[in-house]
C-alpha cells in the first residue's frame, strides 16, 4: 500500500517540478526552441519551413578563419 502512495507522490513531484521549470515559457518560445536544431543548416531550415509553415531563424554556416581549420566530427 505504501508503494502505491510513494509512486503517486513521485509522479506528483515530477509534474510539479516540470510545471515550475516551464512557468515562464510562452507558446512562441517553445515553438522557437523546437526549431532550434534546424537553425544551423539553411537547406534543412528551408525544408522545415515548407513542411511546418513556421519560420526558422537560420544561421549562416561558420566560415573558416585564416590560419584555422574546421574539423569534421
N, C-alpha and C. Protein backbone atom coordinates (compact mmCIF):
# COMPACT_ATOMS: atom_id res chain seq x y z
N UNK A 1 0.82 -1.19 0.00
CA UNK A 1 0.00 0.00 0.00
C UNK A 1 0.87 1.27 0.00
N UNK A 2 1.93 1.24 0.79
CA UNK A 2 2.82 2.40 0.83
C UNK A 2 3.54 2.57 -0.51
N UNK A 3 3.73 1.46 -1.21
CA UNK A 3 4.38 1.52 -2.52
C UNK A 3 3.56 2.37 -3.49
N UNK A 4 2.26 2.20 -3.50
CA UNK A 4 1.38 2.98 -4.37
C UNK A 4 1.42 4.45 -3.96
N UNK A 5 1.42 4.71 -2.66
CA UNK A 5 1.48 6.08 -2.16
C UNK A 5 2.76 6.77 -2.61
N UNK A 6 3.90 6.10 -2.48
CA UNK A 6 5.18 6.70 -2.86
C UNK A 6 5.30 6.86 -4.37
N UNK A 7 4.74 5.93 -5.14
CA UNK A 7 4.73 6.09 -6.59
C UNK A 7 3.89 7.30 -6.99
N UNK A 8 2.75 7.46 -6.38
CA UNK A 8 1.90 8.63 -6.65
C UNK A 8 2.58 9.91 -6.24
N UNK A 9 3.25 9.89 -5.10
CA UNK A 9 3.99 11.06 -4.63
C UNK A 9 5.12 11.41 -5.61
N UNK A 10 5.79 10.40 -6.15
CA UNK A 10 6.85 10.63 -7.13
C UNK A 10 6.32 11.26 -8.41
N UNK A 11 5.19 10.77 -8.89
CA UNK A 11 4.59 11.33 -10.09
C UNK A 11 4.15 12.77 -9.85
N UNK A 12 3.57 13.03 -8.70
CA UNK A 12 3.14 14.38 -8.35
C UNK A 12 4.35 15.32 -8.28
N UNK A 13 5.43 14.87 -7.66
CA UNK A 13 6.64 15.69 -7.56
C UNK A 13 7.20 16.00 -8.95
N UNK A 14 7.25 15.00 -9.83
CA UNK A 14 7.75 15.20 -11.18
C UNK A 14 6.89 16.21 -11.93
N UNK A 15 5.58 16.08 -11.84
CA UNK A 15 4.66 17.01 -12.51
C UNK A 15 4.86 18.43 -11.99
N UNK A 16 4.97 18.60 -10.68
CA UNK A 16 5.18 19.93 -10.11
C UNK A 16 6.53 20.52 -10.51
N UNK A 17 7.56 19.69 -10.59
CA UNK A 17 8.88 20.16 -10.98
C UNK A 17 8.87 20.65 -12.43
N UNK A 18 8.22 19.92 -13.33
CA UNK A 18 8.14 20.34 -14.73
C UNK A 18 7.33 21.63 -14.84
N UNK A 19 6.21 21.70 -14.14
CA UNK A 19 5.40 22.93 -14.15
C UNK A 19 6.21 24.12 -13.65
N UNK A 20 7.00 23.93 -12.61
CA UNK A 20 7.81 25.01 -12.05
C UNK A 20 8.87 25.47 -13.06
N UNK A 21 9.51 24.53 -13.74
CA UNK A 21 10.57 24.88 -14.69
C UNK A 21 10.01 25.59 -15.93
N UNK A 22 8.79 25.28 -16.33
CA UNK A 22 8.22 25.85 -17.55
C UNK A 22 7.24 26.99 -17.28
N UNK A 23 7.21 27.54 -16.09
CA UNK A 23 6.20 28.52 -15.71
C UNK A 23 6.27 29.82 -16.50
N UNK A 24 7.45 30.22 -16.98
CA UNK A 24 7.58 31.50 -17.69
C UNK A 24 7.65 31.32 -19.21
N UNK A 25 7.51 30.11 -19.69
CA UNK A 25 7.60 29.86 -21.12
C UNK A 25 6.29 30.20 -21.81
N UNK A 26 6.40 30.72 -23.02
CA UNK A 26 5.23 31.03 -23.82
C UNK A 26 5.15 30.06 -24.99
N UNK A 27 4.05 30.07 -25.68
CA UNK A 27 3.90 29.20 -26.84
C UNK A 27 4.94 29.54 -27.90
N UNK A 28 5.20 30.83 -28.10
CA UNK A 28 6.17 31.25 -29.10
C UNK A 28 7.58 30.79 -28.74
N UNK A 29 7.96 30.91 -27.47
CA UNK A 29 9.31 30.50 -27.08
C UNK A 29 9.48 28.98 -27.18
N UNK A 30 8.44 28.23 -26.89
CA UNK A 30 8.52 26.77 -27.03
C UNK A 30 8.59 26.36 -28.50
N UNK A 31 7.86 27.05 -29.37
CA UNK A 31 7.94 26.77 -30.81
C UNK A 31 9.34 27.08 -31.33
N UNK A 32 9.90 28.21 -30.90
CA UNK A 32 11.24 28.59 -31.33
C UNK A 32 12.28 27.57 -30.84
N UNK A 33 12.12 27.11 -29.62
CA UNK A 33 13.05 26.11 -29.08
C UNK A 33 12.95 24.79 -29.83
N UNK A 34 11.76 24.43 -30.30
CA UNK A 34 11.61 23.17 -31.02
C UNK A 34 12.23 23.24 -32.41
N UNK A 35 12.42 24.43 -32.96
CA UNK A 35 13.01 24.59 -34.28
C UNK A 35 14.50 24.87 -34.23
N UNK A 36 15.08 25.06 -33.07
CA UNK A 36 16.50 25.38 -32.91
C UNK A 36 17.43 24.33 -33.54
N UNK A 37 17.15 23.02 -33.45
CA UNK A 37 18.09 22.05 -34.04
C UNK A 37 18.27 22.20 -35.55
N UNK A 38 17.36 22.88 -36.23
CA UNK A 38 17.46 23.02 -37.67
C UNK A 38 18.08 24.35 -38.09
N UNK A 39 18.45 25.19 -37.15
CA UNK A 39 18.89 26.55 -37.44
C UNK A 39 20.28 26.62 -38.05
N UNK A 40 21.12 25.61 -37.89
CA UNK A 40 22.49 25.72 -38.37
C UNK A 40 22.66 25.23 -39.81
N UNK A 41 21.62 24.70 -40.42
CA UNK A 41 21.69 24.22 -41.80
C UNK A 41 20.59 24.91 -42.61
N UNK A 42 20.97 25.90 -43.44
CA UNK A 42 19.96 26.67 -44.16
C UNK A 42 19.05 25.83 -45.05
N UNK A 43 19.59 24.79 -45.70
CA UNK A 43 18.76 23.95 -46.57
C UNK A 43 17.71 23.19 -45.77
N UNK A 44 18.12 22.62 -44.64
CA UNK A 44 17.17 21.90 -43.79
C UNK A 44 16.16 22.88 -43.20
N UNK A 45 16.62 24.06 -42.81
CA UNK A 45 15.71 25.07 -42.27
C UNK A 45 14.65 25.44 -43.29
N UNK A 46 15.03 25.55 -44.56
CA UNK A 46 14.08 25.88 -45.62
C UNK A 46 13.04 24.76 -45.78
N UNK A 47 13.50 23.50 -45.72
CA UNK A 47 12.56 22.38 -45.85
C UNK A 47 11.61 22.30 -44.66
N UNK A 48 12.12 22.59 -43.47
CA UNK A 48 11.26 22.59 -42.28
C UNK A 48 10.23 23.70 -42.37
N UNK A 49 10.64 24.87 -42.87
CA UNK A 49 9.69 25.97 -43.06
C UNK A 49 8.59 25.58 -44.02
N UNK A 50 8.95 24.92 -45.12
CA UNK A 50 7.94 24.49 -46.09
C UNK A 50 7.00 23.44 -45.49
N UNK A 51 7.56 22.53 -44.70
CA UNK A 51 6.74 21.45 -44.14
C UNK A 51 5.83 21.91 -43.01
N UNK A 52 6.32 22.83 -42.16
CA UNK A 52 5.55 23.23 -40.99
C UNK A 52 4.86 24.57 -41.13
N UNK A 53 5.37 25.42 -42.00
CA UNK A 53 4.81 26.76 -42.13
C UNK A 53 5.33 27.72 -41.06
N UNK A 54 6.25 27.26 -40.22
CA UNK A 54 6.84 28.11 -39.18
C UNK A 54 8.19 28.61 -39.64
N UNK A 55 8.52 29.84 -39.29
CA UNK A 55 9.78 30.44 -39.70
C UNK A 55 10.91 29.96 -38.79
N UNK A 56 11.99 29.46 -39.41
CA UNK A 56 13.17 29.02 -38.68
C UNK A 56 14.21 30.12 -38.80
N UNK A 57 14.72 30.59 -37.68
CA UNK A 57 15.77 31.62 -37.69
C UNK A 57 17.10 30.93 -37.96
N UNK A 58 17.41 30.75 -39.26
CA UNK A 58 18.60 30.01 -39.67
C UNK A 58 19.85 30.89 -39.56
N UNK A 59 20.93 30.26 -39.21
CA UNK A 59 22.23 30.92 -39.12
C UNK A 59 23.08 30.49 -40.31
N UNK A 60 23.89 31.40 -40.79
CA UNK A 60 24.81 31.05 -41.88
C UNK A 60 25.90 30.14 -41.31
N UNK A 61 26.35 29.18 -42.10
CA UNK A 61 27.45 28.31 -41.63
C UNK A 61 28.68 29.14 -41.30
N UNK A 62 29.39 28.72 -40.28
CA UNK A 62 30.58 29.46 -39.85
C UNK A 62 31.70 29.29 -40.87
N UNK A 63 32.28 30.40 -41.26
CA UNK A 63 33.39 30.39 -42.22
C UNK A 63 34.69 30.12 -41.48
N UNK A 64 35.60 29.43 -42.17
CA UNK A 64 36.91 29.15 -41.57
C UNK A 64 37.73 30.43 -41.49
N UNK A 65 38.34 30.66 -40.35
CA UNK A 65 39.18 31.83 -40.18
C UNK A 65 40.55 31.56 -40.82
N UNK A 66 41.20 32.59 -41.33
CA UNK A 66 42.52 32.38 -41.95
C UNK A 66 43.49 31.78 -40.93
N UNK A 67 44.16 30.72 -41.33
CA UNK A 67 45.12 30.07 -40.45
C UNK A 67 44.49 29.02 -39.55
N UNK A 68 43.16 28.89 -39.57
CA UNK A 68 42.47 27.90 -38.75
C UNK A 68 41.84 26.86 -39.68
N UNK A 69 41.62 25.70 -39.16
CA UNK A 69 40.95 24.67 -39.95
C UNK A 69 39.68 24.25 -39.21
N UNK A 70 38.70 23.83 -39.96
CA UNK A 70 37.48 23.28 -39.37
C UNK A 70 37.57 21.76 -39.40
N UNK A 71 37.44 21.15 -38.28
CA UNK A 71 37.48 19.70 -38.19
C UNK A 71 36.09 19.13 -38.33
N UNK A 72 35.95 18.10 -39.14
CA UNK A 72 34.68 17.40 -39.26
C UNK A 72 34.62 16.36 -38.15
N UNK A 73 33.59 16.44 -37.35
CA UNK A 73 33.48 15.48 -36.24
C UNK A 73 32.31 14.57 -36.47
